[in-house]
Every structure is written in structure tokens, then in C-alpha cells.
């Protein structure tokens, strides 16, 4: 389970950093909202994919 959460956390951080680049291109949302949405989206997306694919199971 730790591996699943670690991978999800890293994916969320990557998405948050990607959101910074997106924010530089657009001013539609505040920086904190963009970073928060990207992190949650990446974290949940990675977690869902790993659960569906069965990764993290022994």
C-alpha cells in the first residue's frame, strides 16, 4: 500500500508542477486553485489506475 500511495503522491506533485507551467500560459484561475486541482486530479487518477490494474497487491 505504501508503494501505491508513494506513486500517487509523486504523480500529484508532477501534475502540480505541470499546472505551474499551464498557469504561466493562462490567467483564468488563481495559481493555488490550478495547483490544487492538478494535484488532486493526478493523485486520484494514479490511485484509480493502480487499483484497477492491480498494482500494489502482493
Protein backbone atom coordinates (compact mmCIF):
# COMPACT_ATOMS: atom_id res chain seq x y z
CA UNK A 1 0.00 0.00 0.00
CA UNK A 2 2.93 2.35 0.69
CA UNK A 3 4.15 1.95 -2.91
CA UNK A 4 0.71 2.84 -4.25
CA UNK A 5 0.50 5.98 -2.12
CA UNK A 6 4.07 7.00 -2.94
CA UNK A 7 3.46 6.66 -6.67
CA UNK A 8 0.22 8.60 -6.36
CA UNK A 9 1.93 11.33 -4.37
CA UNK A 10 4.69 11.65 -6.95
CA UNK A 11 2.12 11.80 -9.75
CA UNK A 12 0.26 14.52 -7.88
CA UNK A 13 3.43 16.55 -7.40
CA UNK A 14 4.26 16.18 -11.11
CA UNK A 15 0.78 17.40 -12.05
CA UNK A 16 1.08 20.34 -9.65
CA UNK A 17 4.37 21.38 -11.27
CA UNK A 18 2.79 20.95 -14.70
CA UNK A 19 -0.02 23.24 -13.53
CA UNK A 20 2.53 25.97 -12.83
CA UNK A 21 3.52 25.86 -16.49
CA UNK A 22 -0.14 25.97 -17.52
CA UNK A 23 -0.74 28.93 -15.21
CA UNK A 24 2.05 30.82 -16.94
CA UNK A 25 0.11 30.41 -20.20
CA UNK A 26 -3.33 31.35 -18.83
CA UNK A 27 -4.62 33.63 -16.11
CA UNK A 28 -8.12 32.12 -15.97
CA UNK A 29 -7.67 30.70 -12.45
CA UNK A 30 -5.58 31.62 -9.45
CA UNK A 31 -2.29 29.75 -9.08
CA UNK A 32 -3.35 27.98 -5.88
CA UNK A 33 -6.56 26.68 -7.47
CA UNK A 34 -4.71 25.38 -10.53
CA UNK A 35 -2.06 23.65 -8.41
CA UNK A 36 -4.66 22.15 -6.08
CA UNK A 37 -6.83 20.82 -8.90
CA UNK A 38 -3.86 19.37 -10.74
CA UNK A 39 -2.56 17.64 -7.61
CA UNK A 40 -5.92 16.11 -6.71
CA UNK A 41 -6.50 15.04 -10.31
CA UNK A 42 -3.09 13.40 -10.60
CA UNK A 43 -3.27 11.74 -7.20
CA UNK A 44 -6.73 10.28 -7.71
CA UNK A 45 -6.05 9.32 -11.32
CA UNK A 46 -2.91 7.44 -10.40
CA UNK A 47 -4.56 5.77 -7.43
CA UNK A 48 -7.53 4.68 -9.56
CA UNK A 49 -5.29 3.30 -12.31
CA UNK A 50 -3.17 1.33 -9.88
CA UNK A 51 -6.20 -0.15 -8.14
CA UNK A 52 -7.84 -1.08 -11.46
CA UNK A 53 -4.62 -2.61 -12.80
CA UNK A 54 -3.98 -4.45 -9.56
CA UNK A 55 -0.59 -2.87 -8.88
CA UNK A 56 0.43 -2.68 -5.27
CA UNK A 57 -1.07 -6.07 -4.44
CA UNK A 58 1.15 -8.85 -3.15
